[in-house]
Amino acid sequence: MIGTRLGHIRAHRSQREMADFLGVALRTYANYERNEREPDAQVLARLVKAGWNANWVLTGEGPERLEALQDTGSKPARPDLAILKSAVEVLERALDAADATTTDAAGRAELLVAVYELLEEGAALDAAERIVASMLRAVAKTGGASTQSA
């Protein structure tokens, strides 16, 4: 569960310290740890910036820390934070425009990765937003579980 992993990340810090670090209210953070609410893309971006693997945070799969993913090849161990920030913003705008939210963290993570990869390959922000909007419409038409109307 995401809440258990967030508690692990918090370690010796208080919930208030962790909430402040993530830029959320104490009650919101406490709800994350109780699995009553899932962190949004901005919270995940802050965790990634601090070196945590978003895939592990969301699913429990893979290594906890990004350094463990370091490839000896030409790819950087950490995502480009400017691209990640843009990807978060594009995803949030697309979700708002579609009046949809993902019902599960895995769905949000998949969309965020897709947006990141589009931007990393050089897609313009507006083009990436249109592609994500199209993906959201397709999922909504098929009644997919990864989005629901707000």
N, C-alpha and C. Protein backbone atom coordinates (compact mmCIF):
# COMPACT_ATOMS: atom_id res chain seq x y z
N MET A 1 0.84 -1.17 0.00
CA MET A 1 0.00 0.00 0.00
C MET A 1 0.89 1.25 0.00
N ILE A 2 0.43 2.25 -0.69
CA ILE A 2 1.20 3.50 -0.80
C ILE A 2 1.45 4.09 0.57
N GLY A 3 0.46 4.06 1.44
CA GLY A 3 0.61 4.64 2.78
C GLY A 3 1.75 4.02 3.56
N THR A 4 1.89 2.72 3.48
CA THR A 4 2.97 2.02 4.17
C THR A 4 4.32 2.48 3.62
N ARG A 5 4.41 2.62 2.29
CA ARG A 5 5.67 3.06 1.69
C ARG A 5 5.98 4.51 2.05
N LEU A 6 4.96 5.35 2.13
CA LEU A 6 5.18 6.73 2.56
C LEU A 6 5.67 6.78 4.01
N GLY A 7 5.11 5.93 4.86
CA GLY A 7 5.59 5.85 6.24
C GLY A 7 7.05 5.42 6.28
N HIS A 8 7.43 4.50 5.41
CA HIS A 8 8.82 4.07 5.31
C HIS A 8 9.71 5.24 4.89
N ILE A 9 9.26 5.99 3.90
CA ILE A 9 10.04 7.15 3.43
C ILE A 9 10.16 8.18 4.55
N ARG A 10 9.08 8.39 5.28
CA ARG A 10 9.07 9.38 6.36
C ARG A 10 10.08 9.02 7.43
N ALA A 11 10.25 7.74 7.70
CA ALA A 11 11.22 7.21 8.68
C ALA A 11 11.11 7.93 10.02
N HIS A 12 12.13 8.67 10.40
CA HIS A 12 12.20 9.30 11.72
C HIS A 12 11.53 10.68 11.76
N ARG A 13 11.10 11.18 10.62
CA ARG A 13 10.45 12.50 10.59
C ARG A 13 9.02 12.40 11.13
N SER A 14 8.51 13.52 11.60
CA SER A 14 7.11 13.56 12.02
C SER A 14 6.23 13.67 10.77
N GLN A 15 4.97 13.37 10.93
CA GLN A 15 4.06 13.53 9.80
C GLN A 15 4.00 14.99 9.36
N ARG A 16 4.07 15.92 10.31
CA ARG A 16 4.06 17.35 9.97
C ARG A 16 5.28 17.71 9.12
N GLU A 17 6.45 17.22 9.51
CA GLU A 17 7.66 17.49 8.72
C GLU A 17 7.51 16.95 7.31
N MET A 18 6.97 15.74 7.20
CA MET A 18 6.80 15.12 5.89
C MET A 18 5.77 15.90 5.07
N ALA A 19 4.67 16.31 5.71
CA ALA A 19 3.65 17.10 5.01
C ALA A 19 4.25 18.40 4.50
N ASP A 20 5.04 19.07 5.33
CA ASP A 20 5.69 20.32 4.92
C ASP A 20 6.63 20.07 3.75
N PHE A 21 7.42 19.01 3.82
CA PHE A 21 8.35 18.66 2.75
C PHE A 21 7.60 18.44 1.43
N LEU A 22 6.45 17.78 1.50
CA LEU A 22 5.69 17.46 0.30
C LEU A 22 4.77 18.61 -0.15
N GLY A 23 4.64 19.63 0.70
CA GLY A 23 3.81 20.77 0.35
C GLY A 23 2.32 20.51 0.46
N VAL A 24 1.94 19.66 1.42
CA VAL A 24 0.52 19.36 1.63
C VAL A 24 0.16 19.61 3.09
N ALA A 25 -1.12 19.67 3.37
CA ALA A 25 -1.59 19.83 4.74
C ALA A 25 -1.30 18.56 5.54
N LEU A 26 -1.15 18.72 6.84
CA LEU A 26 -0.90 17.58 7.72
C LEU A 26 -2.01 16.54 7.57
N ARG A 27 -3.26 16.97 7.56
CA ARG A 27 -4.39 16.03 7.43
C ARG A 27 -4.30 15.26 6.11
N THR A 28 -3.92 15.95 5.05
CA THR A 28 -3.78 15.29 3.74
C THR A 28 -2.71 14.21 3.81
N TYR A 29 -1.55 14.56 4.38
CA TYR A 29 -0.49 13.57 4.48
C TYR A 29 -0.93 12.38 5.34
N ALA A 30 -1.58 12.66 6.46
CA ALA A 30 -2.05 11.57 7.32
C ALA A 30 -3.00 10.67 6.55
N ASN A 31 -3.85 11.25 5.70
CA ASN A 31 -4.75 10.45 4.87
C ASN A 31 -3.98 9.59 3.88
N TYR A 32 -2.86 10.10 3.39
CA TYR A 32 -2.01 9.28 2.51
C TYR A 32 -1.54 8.03 3.26
N GLU A 33 -1.01 8.24 4.45
CA GLU A 33 -0.47 7.10 5.20
C GLU A 33 -1.56 6.11 5.60
N ARG A 34 -2.79 6.58 5.78
CA ARG A 34 -3.91 5.68 6.12
C ARG A 34 -4.55 5.08 4.87
N ASN A 35 -3.99 5.39 3.70
CA ASN A 35 -4.53 4.91 2.43
C ASN A 35 -5.96 5.37 2.19
N GLU A 36 -6.29 6.55 2.72
CA GLU A 36 -7.61 7.12 2.51
C GLU A 36 -7.58 8.11 1.35
N ARG A 37 -6.39 8.43 0.90
CA ARG A 37 -6.20 9.37 -0.21
C ARG A 37 -4.87 9.02 -0.86
N GLU A 38 -4.79 9.23 -2.18
CA GLU A 38 -3.55 8.94 -2.90
C GLU A 38 -2.85 10.24 -3.26
N PRO A 39 -1.52 10.26 -3.20
CA PRO A 39 -0.79 11.48 -3.54
C PRO A 39 -0.98 11.85 -5.01
N ASP A 40 -0.99 13.16 -5.27
CA ASP A 40 -1.12 13.63 -6.65
C ASP A 40 0.25 13.68 -7.33
N ALA A 41 0.24 14.09 -8.57
CA ALA A 41 1.47 14.09 -9.36
C ALA A 41 2.53 15.03 -8.79
N GLN A 42 2.11 16.16 -8.21
CA GLN A 42 3.10 17.09 -7.65
C GLN A 42 3.81 16.46 -6.45
N VAL A 43 3.08 15.73 -5.63
CA VAL A 43 3.70 15.06 -4.49
C VAL A 43 4.68 14.01 -4.99
N LEU A 44 4.27 13.24 -5.99
CA LEU A 44 5.17 12.23 -6.55
C LEU A 44 6.41 12.87 -7.14
N ALA A 45 6.25 14.02 -7.80
CA ALA A 45 7.41 14.71 -8.38
C ALA A 45 8.38 15.14 -7.27
N ARG A 46 7.87 15.58 -6.13
CA ARG A 46 8.75 15.97 -5.02
C ARG A 46 9.52 14.76 -4.49
N LEU A 47 8.84 13.62 -4.41
CA LEU A 47 9.51 12.40 -3.95
C LEU A 47 10.59 11.97 -4.94
N VAL A 48 10.28 12.05 -6.23
CA VAL A 48 11.27 11.69 -7.25
C VAL A 48 12.46 12.63 -7.16
N LYS A 49 12.20 13.92 -6.99
CA LYS A 49 13.29 14.89 -6.87
C LYS A 49 14.18 14.57 -5.68
N ALA A 50 13.59 13.98 -4.64
CA ALA A 50 14.36 13.59 -3.45
C ALA A 50 15.04 12.24 -3.63
N GLY A 51 14.87 11.62 -4.81
CA GLY A 51 15.59 10.38 -5.11
C GLY A 51 14.78 9.10 -4.94
N TRP A 52 13.48 9.22 -4.69
CA TRP A 52 12.66 8.02 -4.54
C TRP A 52 12.13 7.58 -5.89
N ASN A 53 12.03 6.29 -6.11
CA ASN A 53 11.53 5.71 -7.34
C ASN A 53 10.00 5.76 -7.32
N ALA A 54 9.40 6.55 -8.22
CA ALA A 54 7.94 6.69 -8.26
C ALA A 54 7.25 5.35 -8.47
N ASN A 55 7.85 4.48 -9.27
CA ASN A 55 7.25 3.16 -9.48
C ASN A 55 7.15 2.40 -8.17
N TRP A 56 8.20 2.44 -7.36
CA TRP A 56 8.17 1.77 -6.06
C TRP A 56 7.14 2.42 -5.14
N VAL A 57 7.11 3.75 -5.11
CA VAL A 57 6.15 4.45 -4.25
C VAL A 57 4.73 4.03 -4.61
N LEU A 58 4.41 3.99 -5.90
CA LEU A 58 3.05 3.70 -6.35
C LEU A 58 2.67 2.23 -6.30
N THR A 59 3.62 1.35 -6.64
CA THR A 59 3.26 -0.07 -6.80
C THR A 59 3.98 -1.01 -5.84
N GLY A 60 5.08 -0.54 -5.25
CA GLY A 60 5.90 -1.42 -4.42
C GLY A 60 6.86 -2.27 -5.23
N GLU A 61 6.89 -2.05 -6.54
CA GLU A 61 7.76 -2.83 -7.41
C GLU A 61 9.02 -2.06 -7.75
N GLY A 62 10.12 -2.78 -7.90
CA GLY A 62 11.38 -2.15 -8.25
C GLY A 62 12.11 -1.65 -7.02
N PRO A 63 13.26 -1.07 -7.23
CA PRO A 63 14.04 -0.57 -6.09
C PRO A 63 13.40 0.69 -5.50
N GLU A 64 13.63 0.91 -4.22
CA GLU A 64 13.08 2.09 -3.55
C GLU A 64 13.68 3.38 -4.08
N ARG A 65 14.99 3.39 -4.28
CA ARG A 65 15.71 4.61 -4.62
C ARG A 65 16.10 4.62 -6.10
N LEU A 66 16.12 5.80 -6.67
CA LEU A 66 16.47 5.94 -8.08
C LEU A 66 17.91 5.55 -8.36
N GLU A 67 18.81 5.78 -7.38
CA GLU A 67 20.20 5.42 -7.62
C GLU A 67 20.36 3.94 -7.97
N ALA A 68 19.47 3.12 -7.43
CA ALA A 68 19.55 1.68 -7.70
C ALA A 68 19.21 1.37 -9.16
N LEU A 69 18.58 2.30 -9.84
CA LEU A 69 18.23 2.10 -11.24
C LEU A 69 19.32 2.57 -12.19
N GLN A 70 20.39 3.11 -11.62
CA GLN A 70 21.45 3.69 -12.44
C GLN A 70 21.95 2.67 -13.45
N ASP A 71 21.92 3.10 -14.67
CA ASP A 71 22.37 2.27 -15.79
C ASP A 71 23.79 2.69 -16.12
N THR A 72 24.63 1.72 -16.40
CA THR A 72 26.01 2.06 -16.75
C THR A 72 26.10 2.56 -18.18
N GLY A 73 24.96 2.54 -18.91
CA GLY A 73 24.93 3.05 -20.27
C GLY A 73 24.84 4.56 -20.29
N SER A 74 24.31 5.10 -21.35
CA SER A 74 24.30 6.55 -21.54
C SER A 74 23.12 7.25 -20.89
N LYS A 75 22.11 6.52 -20.44
CA LYS A 75 20.95 7.17 -19.84
C LYS A 75 21.26 7.60 -18.42
N PRO A 76 20.74 8.78 -18.01
CA PRO A 76 20.96 9.23 -16.64
C PRO A 76 20.15 8.39 -15.65
N ALA A 77 20.64 8.29 -14.42
CA ALA A 77 19.95 7.51 -13.40
C ALA A 77 18.66 8.19 -12.97
N ARG A 78 18.65 9.51 -12.98
CA ARG A 78 17.47 10.26 -12.56
C ARG A 78 16.80 10.86 -13.79
N PRO A 79 15.48 11.01 -13.72
CA PRO A 79 14.81 11.67 -14.84
C PRO A 79 15.21 13.15 -14.87
N ASP A 80 15.09 13.75 -16.03
CA ASP A 80 15.33 15.18 -16.17
C ASP A 80 14.20 15.89 -15.42
N LEU A 81 14.55 16.61 -14.36
CA LEU A 81 13.53 17.21 -13.49
C LEU A 81 12.72 18.28 -14.20
N ALA A 82 13.31 19.00 -15.13
CA ALA A 82 12.55 20.00 -15.89
C ALA A 82 11.48 19.31 -16.75
N ILE A 83 11.85 18.21 -17.38
CA ILE A 83 10.89 17.45 -18.18
C ILE A 83 9.83 16.85 -17.28
N LEU A 84 10.24 16.31 -16.13
CA LEU A 84 9.29 15.71 -15.20
C LEU A 84 8.28 16.75 -14.71
N LYS A 85 8.76 17.94 -14.38
CA LYS A 85 7.87 19.02 -13.93
C LYS A 85 6.87 19.36 -15.04
N SER A 86 7.36 19.48 -16.26
CA SER A 86 6.46 19.77 -17.39
C SER A 86 5.46 18.64 -17.58
N ALA A 87 5.91 17.41 -17.44
CA ALA A 87 5.02 16.25 -17.59
C ALA A 87 3.91 16.27 -16.54
N VAL A 88 4.26 16.61 -15.31
CA VAL A 88 3.27 16.71 -14.23
C VAL A 88 2.24 17.78 -14.57
N GLU A 89 2.72 18.93 -15.03
CA GLU A 89 1.82 20.03 -15.37
C GLU A 89 0.90 19.66 -16.55
N VAL A 90 1.46 19.02 -17.57
CA VAL A 90 0.66 18.61 -18.73
C VAL A 90 -0.41 17.62 -18.29
N LEU A 91 -0.02 16.64 -17.48
CA LEU A 91 -0.97 15.62 -17.04
C LEU A 91 -2.08 16.25 -16.22
N GLU A 92 -1.74 17.13 -15.30
CA GLU A 92 -2.77 17.76 -14.47
C GLU A 92 -3.72 18.61 -15.32
N ARG A 93 -3.19 19.36 -16.30
CA ARG A 93 -4.06 20.16 -17.17
C ARG A 93 -4.97 19.25 -17.98
N ALA A 94 -4.44 18.15 -18.49
CA ALA A 94 -5.24 17.23 -19.29
C ALA A 94 -6.34 16.58 -18.45
N LEU A 95 -6.00 16.19 -17.23
CA LEU A 95 -7.01 15.61 -16.34
C LEU A 95 -8.09 16.63 -16.01
N ASP A 96 -7.68 17.88 -15.74
CA ASP A 96 -8.66 18.94 -15.45
C ASP A 96 -9.55 19.19 -16.65
N ALA A 97 -8.95 19.29 -17.84
CA ALA A 97 -9.71 19.58 -19.05
C ALA A 97 -10.70 18.47 -19.37
N ALA A 98 -10.30 17.24 -19.08
CA ALA A 98 -11.17 16.09 -19.35
C ALA A 98 -12.16 15.87 -18.22
N ASP A 99 -12.06 16.70 -17.17
CA ASP A 99 -12.90 16.55 -15.99
C ASP A 99 -12.85 15.11 -15.50
N ALA A 100 -11.62 14.59 -15.45
CA ALA A 100 -11.42 13.19 -15.05
C ALA A 100 -10.27 13.11 -14.07
N THR A 101 -10.32 12.11 -13.24
CA THR A 101 -9.20 11.79 -12.37
C THR A 101 -8.98 10.30 -12.45
N THR A 102 -7.74 9.89 -12.34
CA THR A 102 -7.49 8.46 -12.34
C THR A 102 -7.94 7.91 -11.00
N THR A 103 -8.48 6.72 -11.00
CA THR A 103 -8.96 6.13 -9.77
C THR A 103 -7.86 5.39 -9.03
N ASP A 104 -6.78 5.13 -9.71
CA ASP A 104 -5.71 4.41 -9.03
C ASP A 104 -4.35 5.02 -9.37
N ALA A 105 -3.45 4.83 -8.46
CA ALA A 105 -2.11 5.40 -8.62
C ALA A 105 -1.40 4.82 -9.84
N ALA A 106 -1.61 3.56 -10.12
CA ALA A 106 -0.95 2.93 -11.27
C ALA A 106 -1.39 3.60 -12.57
N GLY A 107 -2.66 3.95 -12.68
CA GLY A 107 -3.14 4.63 -13.88
C GLY A 107 -2.50 6.00 -14.04
N ARG A 108 -2.39 6.75 -12.93
CA ARG A 108 -1.74 8.06 -12.98
C ARG A 108 -0.27 7.90 -13.34
N ALA A 109 0.37 6.90 -12.77
CA ALA A 109 1.79 6.69 -13.05
C ALA A 109 2.01 6.36 -14.52
N GLU A 110 1.15 5.52 -15.09
CA GLU A 110 1.28 5.17 -16.50
C GLU A 110 1.13 6.40 -17.38
N LEU A 111 0.15 7.24 -17.06
CA LEU A 111 -0.05 8.46 -17.83
C LEU A 111 1.15 9.40 -17.68
N LEU A 112 1.66 9.53 -16.46
CA LEU A 112 2.81 10.41 -16.23
C LEU A 112 4.03 9.93 -17.01
N VAL A 113 4.27 8.63 -17.02
CA VAL A 113 5.39 8.08 -17.79
C VAL A 113 5.20 8.36 -19.27
N ALA A 114 3.97 8.17 -19.76
CA ALA A 114 3.70 8.42 -21.18
C ALA A 114 3.97 9.88 -21.54
N VAL A 115 3.51 10.80 -20.68
CA VAL A 115 3.74 12.22 -20.94
C VAL A 115 5.23 12.53 -20.89
N TYR A 116 5.91 11.99 -19.89
CA TYR A 116 7.35 12.23 -19.75
C TYR A 116 8.08 11.77 -21.02
N GLU A 117 7.75 10.57 -21.48
CA GLU A 117 8.42 10.04 -22.67
C GLU A 117 8.13 10.88 -23.91
N LEU A 118 6.90 11.37 -24.04
CA LEU A 118 6.58 12.25 -25.17
C LEU A 118 7.44 13.51 -25.13
N LEU A 119 7.52 14.12 -23.95
CA LEU A 119 8.30 15.35 -23.82
C LEU A 119 9.79 15.08 -23.99
N GLU A 120 10.24 13.95 -23.48
CA GLU A 120 11.66 13.60 -23.60
C GLU A 120 12.04 13.42 -25.08
N GLU A 121 11.08 12.93 -25.88
CA GLU A 121 11.33 12.73 -27.30
C GLU A 121 11.16 14.01 -28.11
N GLY A 122 10.83 15.12 -27.41
CA GLY A 122 10.77 16.40 -28.08
C GLY A 122 9.39 16.91 -28.44
N ALA A 123 8.34 16.24 -27.99
CA ALA A 123 6.99 16.72 -28.29
C ALA A 123 6.76 18.06 -27.62
N ALA A 124 6.03 18.93 -28.27
CA ALA A 124 5.66 20.22 -27.69
C ALA A 124 4.64 19.98 -26.57
N LEU A 125 4.61 20.90 -25.61
CA LEU A 125 3.69 20.75 -24.48
C LEU A 125 2.24 20.63 -24.93
N ASP A 126 1.82 21.47 -25.87
CA ASP A 126 0.42 21.42 -26.31
C ASP A 126 0.13 20.11 -27.05
N ALA A 127 1.10 19.61 -27.79
CA ALA A 127 0.91 18.33 -28.49
C ALA A 127 0.79 17.19 -27.48
N ALA A 128 1.64 17.20 -26.46
CA ALA A 128 1.58 16.17 -25.43
C ALA A 128 0.24 16.23 -24.71
N GLU A 129 -0.24 17.43 -24.44
CA GLU A 129 -1.53 17.59 -23.77
C GLU A 129 -2.67 17.03 -24.62
N ARG A 130 -2.63 17.29 -25.93
CA ARG A 130 -3.67 16.75 -26.83
C ARG A 130 -3.62 15.23 -26.86
N ILE A 131 -2.42 14.67 -26.88
CA ILE A 131 -2.28 13.21 -26.91
C ILE A 131 -2.84 12.59 -25.63
N VAL A 132 -2.52 13.19 -24.48
CA VAL A 132 -3.04 12.68 -23.21
C VAL A 132 -4.55 12.81 -23.16
N ALA A 133 -5.08 13.94 -23.64
CA ALA A 133 -6.53 14.12 -23.67
C ALA A 133 -7.18 13.03 -24.52
N SER A 134 -6.55 12.72 -25.64
CA SER A 134 -7.05 11.65 -26.51
C SER A 134 -7.02 10.30 -25.80
N MET A 135 -5.92 10.05 -25.06
CA MET A 135 -5.82 8.80 -24.30
C MET A 135 -6.93 8.72 -23.25
N LEU A 136 -7.18 9.84 -22.57
CA LEU A 136 -8.23 9.86 -21.54
C LEU A 136 -9.61 9.61 -22.15
N ARG A 137 -9.87 10.23 -23.31
CA ARG A 137 -11.16 10.00 -23.99
C ARG A 137 -11.31 8.54 -24.39
N ALA A 138 -10.23 7.94 -24.89
CA ALA A 138 -10.28 6.54 -25.32
C ALA A 138 -10.58 5.63 -24.13
N VAL A 139 -9.94 5.91 -23.01
CA VAL A 139 -10.17 5.09 -21.81
C VAL A 139 -11.61 5.27 -21.34
N ALA A 140 -12.11 6.51 -21.37
CA ALA A 140 -13.47 6.79 -20.91
C ALA A 140 -14.49 6.08 -21.81
N LYS A 141 -14.23 6.06 -23.13
CA LYS A 141 -15.15 5.41 -24.08
C LYS A 141 -15.22 3.91 -23.84
N THR A 142 -14.08 3.32 -23.48
CA THR A 142 -14.06 1.86 -23.28
C THR A 142 -14.48 1.49 -21.86
N GLY A 143 -14.75 2.53 -21.05
CA GLY A 143 -15.16 2.24 -19.67
C GLY A 143 -14.02 1.71 -18.84
N GLY A 144 -12.78 2.09 -19.24
CA GLY A 144 -11.58 1.62 -18.53
C GLY A 144 -11.58 2.05 -17.09
N ALA A 145 -10.90 1.27 -16.27
CA ALA A 145 -10.87 1.52 -14.82
C ALA A 145 -9.86 2.58 -14.42
N SER A 146 -9.06 3.06 -15.38
CA SER A 146 -8.02 3.98 -14.95
C SER A 146 -8.50 5.42 -14.82
N THR A 147 -9.70 5.74 -15.33
CA THR A 147 -10.22 7.08 -15.11
C THR A 147 -11.69 7.01 -14.75
N GLN A 148 -12.13 8.08 -14.10
CA GLN A 148 -13.54 8.20 -13.79
C GLN A 148 -13.89 9.67 -13.88
N SER A 149 -15.14 9.98 -14.17
CA SER A 149 -15.55 11.38 -14.20
C SER A 149 -15.55 11.92 -12.80
N ALA A 150 -15.19 13.18 -12.68
CA ALA A 150 -15.13 13.80 -11.36
C ALA A 150 -16.51 14.14 -10.88
